[in-house]
């Protein structure tokens, strides 16, 4: 069961507003995946989402550490799967996906077989200097409901 939406943001502020609206709707064990070319805005989107969850620390890309944990109204787990290879079994990803927080995974396609089947997938495409297209695929009832709340549809 899936449902999809596409939205275009025309400024950094609009992108942040979208991420903040999403952040206010997130619950325990929600999993958000982000895909997009380098510079598409995955980390910028994540920062605004984290701020909406009450994270006050500086959120930056966990590229070289793979995972960063932050405290907010819920634990916030920010993963970058770009450099993950064969160590997945030792990494215990399910502990984060089911750890009572919100998990955001950048470059999620690199660990597709490790992801929970129900999740909110976001593909960010660079359209111009500040324009971005967000293709959102809600997989599972929880995320379809979340998407409907996010887009008021």
N, C-alpha and C. Protein backbone atom coordinates (compact mmCIF):
# COMPACT_ATOMS: atom_id res chain seq x y z
N UNK A 1 0.85 -1.16 0.00
CA UNK A 1 0.00 0.00 0.00
C UNK A 1 0.90 1.24 0.00
N UNK A 2 0.81 2.00 -1.07
CA UNK A 2 1.63 3.21 -1.23
C UNK A 2 0.75 4.38 -1.68
N UNK A 3 1.23 5.58 -1.41
CA UNK A 3 0.65 6.78 -1.99
C UNK A 3 1.78 7.76 -2.22
N UNK A 4 1.68 8.52 -3.31
CA UNK A 4 2.77 9.42 -3.68
C UNK A 4 2.28 10.86 -3.84
N UNK A 5 3.20 11.79 -3.56
CA UNK A 5 2.96 13.21 -3.76
C UNK A 5 4.23 13.81 -4.34
N UNK A 6 4.06 14.90 -5.08
CA UNK A 6 5.19 15.68 -5.57
C UNK A 6 4.93 17.14 -5.24
N UNK A 7 5.94 17.80 -4.70
CA UNK A 7 5.84 19.22 -4.37
C UNK A 7 7.13 19.90 -4.80
N UNK A 8 6.99 21.12 -5.28
CA UNK A 8 8.16 21.91 -5.66
C UNK A 8 8.27 23.08 -4.68
N UNK A 9 9.47 23.25 -4.14
CA UNK A 9 9.73 24.41 -3.30
C UNK A 9 10.59 25.37 -4.11
N UNK A 10 10.35 26.66 -3.94
CA UNK A 10 11.03 27.66 -4.75
C UNK A 10 12.09 28.46 -3.99
N UNK A 11 12.24 28.14 -2.70
CA UNK A 11 13.24 28.86 -1.91
C UNK A 11 13.71 27.96 -0.77
N UNK A 12 14.83 28.34 -0.19
CA UNK A 12 15.34 27.61 0.97
C UNK A 12 14.33 27.65 2.11
N UNK A 13 13.64 28.79 2.25
CA UNK A 13 12.64 28.94 3.31
C UNK A 13 11.46 27.99 3.10
N UNK A 14 11.00 27.85 1.85
CA UNK A 14 9.90 26.91 1.57
C UNK A 14 10.33 25.48 1.85
N UNK A 15 11.56 25.15 1.52
CA UNK A 15 12.07 23.81 1.79
C UNK A 15 12.10 23.57 3.30
N UNK A 16 12.59 24.55 4.05
CA UNK A 16 12.64 24.42 5.51
C UNK A 16 11.23 24.30 6.09
N UNK A 17 10.28 25.05 5.57
CA UNK A 17 8.89 24.98 6.05
C UNK A 17 8.31 23.58 5.84
N UNK A 18 8.58 22.98 4.68
CA UNK A 18 8.10 21.62 4.40
C UNK A 18 8.70 20.65 5.42
N UNK A 19 10.00 20.75 5.64
CA UNK A 19 10.68 19.85 6.59
C UNK A 19 10.17 20.07 8.01
N UNK A 20 9.94 21.32 8.39
CA UNK A 20 9.44 21.61 9.73
C UNK A 20 8.03 21.06 9.93
N UNK A 21 7.17 21.21 8.92
CA UNK A 21 5.81 20.65 9.01
C UNK A 21 5.88 19.14 9.21
N UNK A 22 6.75 18.49 8.44
CA UNK A 22 6.93 17.05 8.59
C UNK A 22 7.42 16.72 9.99
N UNK A 23 8.41 17.44 10.47
CA UNK A 23 8.98 17.19 11.80
C UNK A 23 7.95 17.25 12.91
N UNK A 24 6.99 18.15 12.81
CA UNK A 24 5.97 18.27 13.86
C UNK A 24 5.01 17.09 13.87
N UNK A 25 4.96 16.33 12.77
CA UNK A 25 4.02 15.21 12.66
C UNK A 25 4.65 13.86 12.99
N UNK A 26 5.94 13.82 13.20
CA UNK A 26 6.64 12.54 13.38
C UNK A 26 6.43 11.96 14.77
N UNK A 27 6.40 10.63 14.81
CA UNK A 27 6.19 9.87 16.05
C UNK A 27 7.32 8.87 16.25
N UNK A 28 7.29 8.20 17.40
CA UNK A 28 8.27 7.16 17.70
C UNK A 28 8.33 6.13 16.58
N UNK A 29 9.55 5.72 16.27
CA UNK A 29 9.85 4.67 15.29
C UNK A 29 9.53 5.05 13.86
N UNK A 30 9.30 6.33 13.57
CA UNK A 30 9.12 6.75 12.18
C UNK A 30 10.47 6.70 11.48
N UNK A 31 10.43 6.26 10.21
CA UNK A 31 11.64 6.16 9.40
C UNK A 31 11.42 6.97 8.13
N UNK A 32 12.33 7.91 7.90
CA UNK A 32 12.30 8.78 6.73
C UNK A 32 13.56 8.50 5.94
N UNK A 33 13.42 8.21 4.64
CA UNK A 33 14.60 8.02 3.81
C UNK A 33 14.72 9.18 2.84
N UNK A 34 15.95 9.59 2.61
CA UNK A 34 16.23 10.71 1.72
C UNK A 34 17.20 10.28 0.63
N UNK A 35 16.84 10.59 -0.60
CA UNK A 35 17.71 10.33 -1.75
C UNK A 35 17.83 11.63 -2.52
N UNK A 36 18.94 11.80 -3.19
CA UNK A 36 19.16 12.97 -4.02
C UNK A 36 20.64 13.14 -4.26
N UNK A 37 20.95 13.82 -5.36
CA UNK A 37 22.35 14.06 -5.69
C UNK A 37 23.03 14.88 -4.60
N UNK A 38 24.35 14.88 -4.61
CA UNK A 38 25.10 15.75 -3.71
C UNK A 38 24.65 17.19 -3.94
N UNK A 39 24.37 17.90 -2.86
CA UNK A 39 23.94 19.28 -2.98
C UNK A 39 22.45 19.46 -3.22
N UNK A 40 21.69 18.38 -3.25
CA UNK A 40 20.25 18.50 -3.48
C UNK A 40 19.53 19.09 -2.28
N UNK A 41 20.11 18.92 -1.09
CA UNK A 41 19.49 19.50 0.10
C UNK A 41 19.07 18.50 1.15
N UNK A 42 19.61 17.29 1.12
CA UNK A 42 19.22 16.27 2.09
C UNK A 42 19.54 16.70 3.53
N UNK A 43 20.74 17.20 3.74
CA UNK A 43 21.13 17.59 5.10
C UNK A 43 20.40 18.86 5.53
N UNK A 44 20.20 19.80 4.63
CA UNK A 44 19.45 21.01 4.94
C UNK A 44 18.03 20.65 5.36
N UNK A 45 17.41 19.74 4.62
CA UNK A 45 16.06 19.28 4.95
C UNK A 45 16.06 18.62 6.32
N UNK A 46 17.06 17.79 6.58
CA UNK A 46 17.17 17.09 7.85
C UNK A 46 17.32 18.06 9.02
N UNK A 47 18.11 19.11 8.85
CA UNK A 47 18.31 20.10 9.90
C UNK A 47 16.99 20.74 10.30
N UNK A 48 16.18 21.12 9.32
CA UNK A 48 14.90 21.77 9.62
C UNK A 48 13.93 20.79 10.28
N UNK A 49 13.95 19.54 9.84
CA UNK A 49 13.10 18.52 10.46
C UNK A 49 13.51 18.31 11.91
N UNK A 50 14.81 18.23 12.16
CA UNK A 50 15.32 18.03 13.52
C UNK A 50 14.94 19.21 14.41
N UNK A 51 15.03 20.42 13.89
CA UNK A 51 14.67 21.60 14.68
C UNK A 51 13.20 21.53 15.11
N UNK A 52 12.34 21.05 14.21
CA UNK A 52 10.91 20.91 14.54
C UNK A 52 10.68 19.85 15.61
N UNK A 53 11.62 18.93 15.75
CA UNK A 53 11.55 17.90 16.78
C UNK A 53 12.20 18.36 18.08
N UNK A 54 12.65 19.60 18.12
CA UNK A 54 13.22 20.14 19.34
C UNK A 54 14.71 19.89 19.51
N UNK A 55 15.37 19.46 18.44
CA UNK A 55 16.82 19.25 18.51
C UNK A 55 17.49 20.62 18.48
N UNK A 56 18.31 20.91 19.48
CA UNK A 56 18.97 22.22 19.56
C UNK A 56 20.44 22.15 19.15
N UNK A 57 20.99 20.94 19.06
CA UNK A 57 22.38 20.78 18.65
C UNK A 57 22.51 21.06 17.15
N UNK A 58 23.73 21.35 16.72
CA UNK A 58 23.99 21.54 15.29
C UNK A 58 23.92 20.18 14.59
N UNK A 59 23.02 20.05 13.65
CA UNK A 59 22.86 18.81 12.88
C UNK A 59 23.68 18.96 11.61
N UNK A 60 24.60 18.02 11.40
CA UNK A 60 25.37 18.03 10.16
C UNK A 60 25.46 16.62 9.62
N UNK A 61 25.98 16.51 8.42
CA UNK A 61 26.01 15.22 7.75
C UNK A 61 26.90 14.23 8.50
N UNK A 62 26.37 13.02 8.74
CA UNK A 62 27.17 12.00 9.42
C UNK A 62 28.01 11.16 8.47
N UNK A 63 28.42 11.74 7.35
CA UNK A 63 29.09 10.99 6.28
C UNK A 63 30.21 10.10 6.79
N UNK A 64 31.08 10.59 7.65
CA UNK A 64 32.23 9.80 8.06
C UNK A 64 31.98 9.01 9.35
N UNK A 65 30.90 9.31 10.05
CA UNK A 65 30.59 8.57 11.27
C UNK A 65 29.42 7.62 11.07
N UNK A 66 28.75 7.70 9.94
CA UNK A 66 27.59 6.89 9.55
C UNK A 66 26.33 7.25 10.33
N UNK A 67 26.44 7.48 11.64
CA UNK A 67 25.26 7.76 12.45
C UNK A 67 25.56 8.80 13.50
N UNK A 68 24.63 9.74 13.63
CA UNK A 68 24.69 10.70 14.73
C UNK A 68 23.36 10.67 15.46
N UNK A 69 23.43 10.75 16.78
CA UNK A 69 22.23 10.76 17.62
C UNK A 69 22.07 12.14 18.24
N UNK A 70 20.82 12.59 18.30
CA UNK A 70 20.51 13.89 18.87
C UNK A 70 19.33 13.74 19.82
N UNK A 71 19.22 14.69 20.76
CA UNK A 71 18.09 14.68 21.69
C UNK A 71 17.12 15.79 21.32
N UNK A 72 15.85 15.44 21.31
CA UNK A 72 14.76 16.37 21.07
C UNK A 72 13.54 15.83 21.78
N UNK A 73 12.34 16.16 21.31
CA UNK A 73 11.15 15.59 21.96
C UNK A 73 11.13 14.07 21.78
N UNK A 74 11.83 13.59 20.77
CA UNK A 74 12.10 12.16 20.55
C UNK A 74 13.58 12.03 20.21
N UNK A 75 14.19 10.89 20.48
CA UNK A 75 15.56 10.71 19.98
C UNK A 75 15.55 10.86 18.46
N UNK A 76 16.59 11.47 17.92
CA UNK A 76 16.69 11.71 16.48
C UNK A 76 17.96 11.06 15.98
N UNK A 77 17.81 10.07 15.10
CA UNK A 77 18.95 9.32 14.56
C UNK A 77 19.13 9.73 13.11
N UNK A 78 20.30 10.26 12.80
CA UNK A 78 20.60 10.73 11.45
C UNK A 78 21.69 9.83 10.87
N UNK A 79 21.33 9.03 9.86
CA UNK A 79 22.26 8.09 9.26
C UNK A 79 22.63 8.53 7.85
N UNK A 80 23.84 8.23 7.47
CA UNK A 80 24.29 8.42 6.10
C UNK A 80 24.82 7.07 5.64
N UNK A 81 24.09 6.43 4.73
CA UNK A 81 24.44 5.07 4.30
C UNK A 81 25.38 5.05 3.11
N UNK A 82 25.85 6.20 2.68
CA UNK A 82 26.67 6.26 1.47
C UNK A 82 27.92 5.38 1.56
N UNK A 83 28.55 5.34 2.69
CA UNK A 83 29.80 4.58 2.84
C UNK A 83 29.64 3.24 3.55
N UNK A 84 28.41 2.88 3.86
CA UNK A 84 28.19 1.58 4.51
C UNK A 84 28.35 0.48 3.46
N UNK A 85 29.07 -0.56 3.83
CA UNK A 85 29.23 -1.67 2.89
C UNK A 85 28.82 -2.97 3.58
N UNK A 86 29.77 -3.78 3.96
CA UNK A 86 29.45 -5.12 4.47
C UNK A 86 29.24 -5.18 5.98
N UNK A 87 29.38 -4.08 6.67
CA UNK A 87 29.30 -4.10 8.13
C UNK A 87 27.87 -4.00 8.65
N UNK A 88 26.87 -4.08 7.78
CA UNK A 88 25.48 -3.87 8.19
C UNK A 88 25.02 -4.81 9.29
N UNK A 89 25.38 -6.06 9.19
CA UNK A 89 24.92 -7.02 10.19
C UNK A 89 25.43 -6.66 11.58
N UNK A 90 26.62 -6.08 11.67
CA UNK A 90 27.20 -5.69 12.94
C UNK A 90 26.66 -4.35 13.44
N UNK A 91 26.06 -3.59 12.55
CA UNK A 91 25.67 -2.23 12.87
C UNK A 91 24.37 -2.16 13.67
N UNK A 92 23.50 -3.16 13.58
CA UNK A 92 22.26 -3.19 14.36
C UNK A 92 21.27 -2.10 13.99
N UNK A 93 21.03 -1.92 12.70
CA UNK A 93 20.14 -0.86 12.25
C UNK A 93 18.74 -0.96 12.83
N UNK A 94 18.25 -2.17 13.00
CA UNK A 94 16.89 -2.33 13.55
C UNK A 94 16.77 -1.75 14.95
N UNK A 95 17.88 -1.69 15.69
CA UNK A 95 17.86 -1.08 17.02
C UNK A 95 17.50 0.40 16.93
N UNK A 96 17.86 1.04 15.85
CA UNK A 96 17.51 2.45 15.65
C UNK A 96 16.11 2.59 15.08
N UNK A 97 15.79 1.75 14.08
CA UNK A 97 14.47 1.84 13.47
C UNK A 97 13.36 1.58 14.48
N UNK A 98 13.65 0.77 15.49
CA UNK A 98 12.66 0.41 16.50
C UNK A 98 13.05 0.95 17.88
N UNK A 99 13.89 1.99 17.91
CA UNK A 99 14.45 2.48 19.16
C UNK A 99 13.68 3.60 19.83
N UNK A 100 12.45 3.84 19.40
CA UNK A 100 11.62 4.85 20.06
C UNK A 100 11.88 6.27 19.60
N UNK A 101 12.69 6.43 18.56
CA UNK A 101 12.96 7.76 18.04
C UNK A 101 12.54 7.89 16.59
N UNK A 102 13.05 8.91 15.95
CA UNK A 102 12.85 9.15 14.53
C UNK A 102 14.18 8.90 13.84
N UNK A 103 14.16 8.13 12.76
CA UNK A 103 15.38 7.82 12.03
C UNK A 103 15.29 8.42 10.63
N UNK A 104 16.30 9.19 10.27
CA UNK A 104 16.43 9.74 8.92
C UNK A 104 17.65 9.08 8.29
N UNK A 105 17.45 8.50 7.11
CA UNK A 105 18.54 7.80 6.43
C UNK A 105 18.80 8.46 5.09
N UNK A 106 19.98 9.09 4.97
CA UNK A 106 20.40 9.63 3.68
C UNK A 106 21.06 8.51 2.88
N UNK A 107 20.89 8.53 1.57
CA UNK A 107 21.41 7.50 0.68
C UNK A 107 20.86 6.12 1.05
N UNK A 108 19.58 6.09 1.36
CA UNK A 108 18.94 4.86 1.83
C UNK A 108 18.98 3.72 0.82
N UNK A 109 19.09 4.02 -0.46
CA UNK A 109 19.13 2.96 -1.47
C UNK A 109 20.34 2.04 -1.28
N UNK A 110 21.37 2.52 -0.58
CA UNK A 110 22.56 1.71 -0.34
C UNK A 110 22.28 0.57 0.65
N UNK A 111 21.19 0.70 1.43
CA UNK A 111 20.86 -0.33 2.42
C UNK A 111 19.41 -0.77 2.28
N UNK A 112 18.91 -0.74 1.07
CA UNK A 112 17.50 -1.04 0.78
C UNK A 112 16.99 -2.29 1.50
N UNK A 113 17.76 -3.36 1.47
CA UNK A 113 17.30 -4.62 2.07
C UNK A 113 17.31 -4.60 3.59
N UNK A 114 17.89 -3.57 4.21
CA UNK A 114 17.92 -3.45 5.66
C UNK A 114 16.81 -2.54 6.21
N UNK A 115 16.13 -1.84 5.31
CA UNK A 115 15.12 -0.86 5.73
C UNK A 115 13.80 -1.54 6.08
N UNK A 116 13.04 -0.96 7.01
CA UNK A 116 11.71 -1.51 7.28
C UNK A 116 10.82 -1.29 6.05
N UNK A 117 9.88 -2.19 5.81
CA UNK A 117 9.03 -2.06 4.62
C UNK A 117 8.16 -0.80 4.64
N UNK A 118 7.70 -0.40 5.80
CA UNK A 118 6.89 0.81 5.92
C UNK A 118 7.81 1.97 6.27
N UNK A 119 7.74 3.03 5.46
CA UNK A 119 8.58 4.21 5.66
C UNK A 119 8.11 5.33 4.74
N UNK A 120 8.66 6.50 4.97
CA UNK A 120 8.39 7.65 4.11
C UNK A 120 9.65 7.90 3.31
N UNK A 121 9.55 7.70 2.00
CA UNK A 121 10.69 7.88 1.11
C UNK A 121 10.59 9.25 0.44
N UNK A 122 11.67 10.01 0.50
CA UNK A 122 11.69 11.34 -0.11
C UNK A 122 12.86 11.42 -1.08
N UNK A 123 12.53 11.70 -2.33
CA UNK A 123 13.54 11.91 -3.37
C UNK A 123 13.60 13.41 -3.63
N UNK A 124 14.78 14.01 -3.42
CA UNK A 124 14.95 15.45 -3.62
C UNK A 124 15.72 15.66 -4.92
N UNK A 125 15.14 16.48 -5.80
CA UNK A 125 15.80 16.79 -7.07
C UNK A 125 16.10 18.28 -7.15
N UNK A 126 17.28 18.57 -7.59
CA UNK A 126 17.75 19.95 -7.78
C UNK A 126 17.14 20.47 -9.07
N UNK A 127 16.38 21.57 -8.99
CA UNK A 127 15.78 22.16 -10.19
C UNK A 127 16.43 23.49 -10.57
N UNK A 128 17.05 24.14 -9.62
CA UNK A 128 17.67 25.44 -9.85
C UNK A 128 18.34 25.89 -8.57
N UNK A 129 18.82 27.10 -8.57
CA UNK A 129 19.58 27.61 -7.44
C UNK A 129 18.90 27.33 -6.10
N UNK A 130 17.62 27.65 -5.97
CA UNK A 130 16.90 27.41 -4.72
C UNK A 130 15.68 26.52 -4.91
N UNK A 131 15.39 26.11 -6.14
CA UNK A 131 14.21 25.27 -6.39
C UNK A 131 14.54 23.79 -6.23
N UNK A 132 13.63 23.07 -5.57
CA UNK A 132 13.78 21.64 -5.38
C UNK A 132 12.43 20.95 -5.62
N UNK A 133 12.50 19.74 -6.18
CA UNK A 133 11.30 18.91 -6.32
C UNK A 133 11.42 17.78 -5.29
N UNK A 134 10.36 17.60 -4.52
CA UNK A 134 10.28 16.54 -3.53
C UNK A 134 9.25 15.53 -4.01
N UNK A 135 9.73 14.35 -4.34
CA UNK A 135 8.83 13.24 -4.67
C UNK A 135 8.74 12.38 -3.41
N UNK A 136 7.54 12.27 -2.87
CA UNK A 136 7.35 11.60 -1.60
C UNK A 136 6.52 10.34 -1.81
N UNK A 137 7.05 9.22 -1.37
CA UNK A 137 6.38 7.93 -1.48
C UNK A 137 6.12 7.40 -0.08
N UNK A 138 4.85 7.35 0.28
CA UNK A 138 4.45 6.83 1.59
C UNK A 138 4.20 5.34 1.44
N UNK A 139 4.98 4.54 2.16
CA UNK A 139 4.84 3.08 2.12
C UNK A 139 4.24 2.61 3.43
N UNK A 140 3.00 2.17 3.37
CA UNK A 140 2.31 1.68 4.56
C UNK A 140 1.33 2.70 5.10
N UNK A 141 0.33 2.22 5.81
CA UNK A 141 -0.76 3.06 6.30
C UNK A 141 -0.30 4.21 7.17
N UNK A 142 0.64 3.98 8.08
CA UNK A 142 1.13 5.06 8.95
C UNK A 142 1.64 6.24 8.13
N UNK A 143 2.39 5.93 7.07
CA UNK A 143 3.02 6.98 6.28
C UNK A 143 2.06 7.60 5.27
N UNK A 144 1.08 6.85 4.82
CA UNK A 144 0.03 7.43 3.99
C UNK A 144 -0.75 8.46 4.81
N UNK A 145 -1.09 8.09 6.04
CA UNK A 145 -1.78 9.03 6.93
C UNK A 145 -0.90 10.25 7.19
N UNK A 146 0.37 10.04 7.43
CA UNK A 146 1.31 11.14 7.65
C UNK A 146 1.36 12.06 6.44
N UNK A 147 1.44 11.48 5.25
CA UNK A 147 1.47 12.28 4.03
C UNK A 147 0.21 13.10 3.84
N UNK A 148 -0.93 12.49 4.13
CA UNK A 148 -2.20 13.22 4.02
C UNK A 148 -2.24 14.39 5.01
N UNK A 149 -1.74 14.18 6.22
CA UNK A 149 -1.67 15.27 7.19
C UNK A 149 -0.71 16.36 6.70
N UNK A 150 0.41 15.96 6.16
CA UNK A 150 1.41 16.90 5.70
C UNK A 150 0.87 17.78 4.57
N UNK A 151 0.12 17.18 3.66
CA UNK A 151 -0.38 17.91 2.49
C UNK A 151 -1.86 18.27 2.60
N UNK A 152 -2.46 18.00 3.78
CA UNK A 152 -3.86 18.34 4.02
C UNK A 152 -4.80 17.81 2.94
N UNK A 153 -4.57 16.55 2.53
CA UNK A 153 -5.40 15.94 1.48
C UNK A 153 -5.99 14.64 1.98
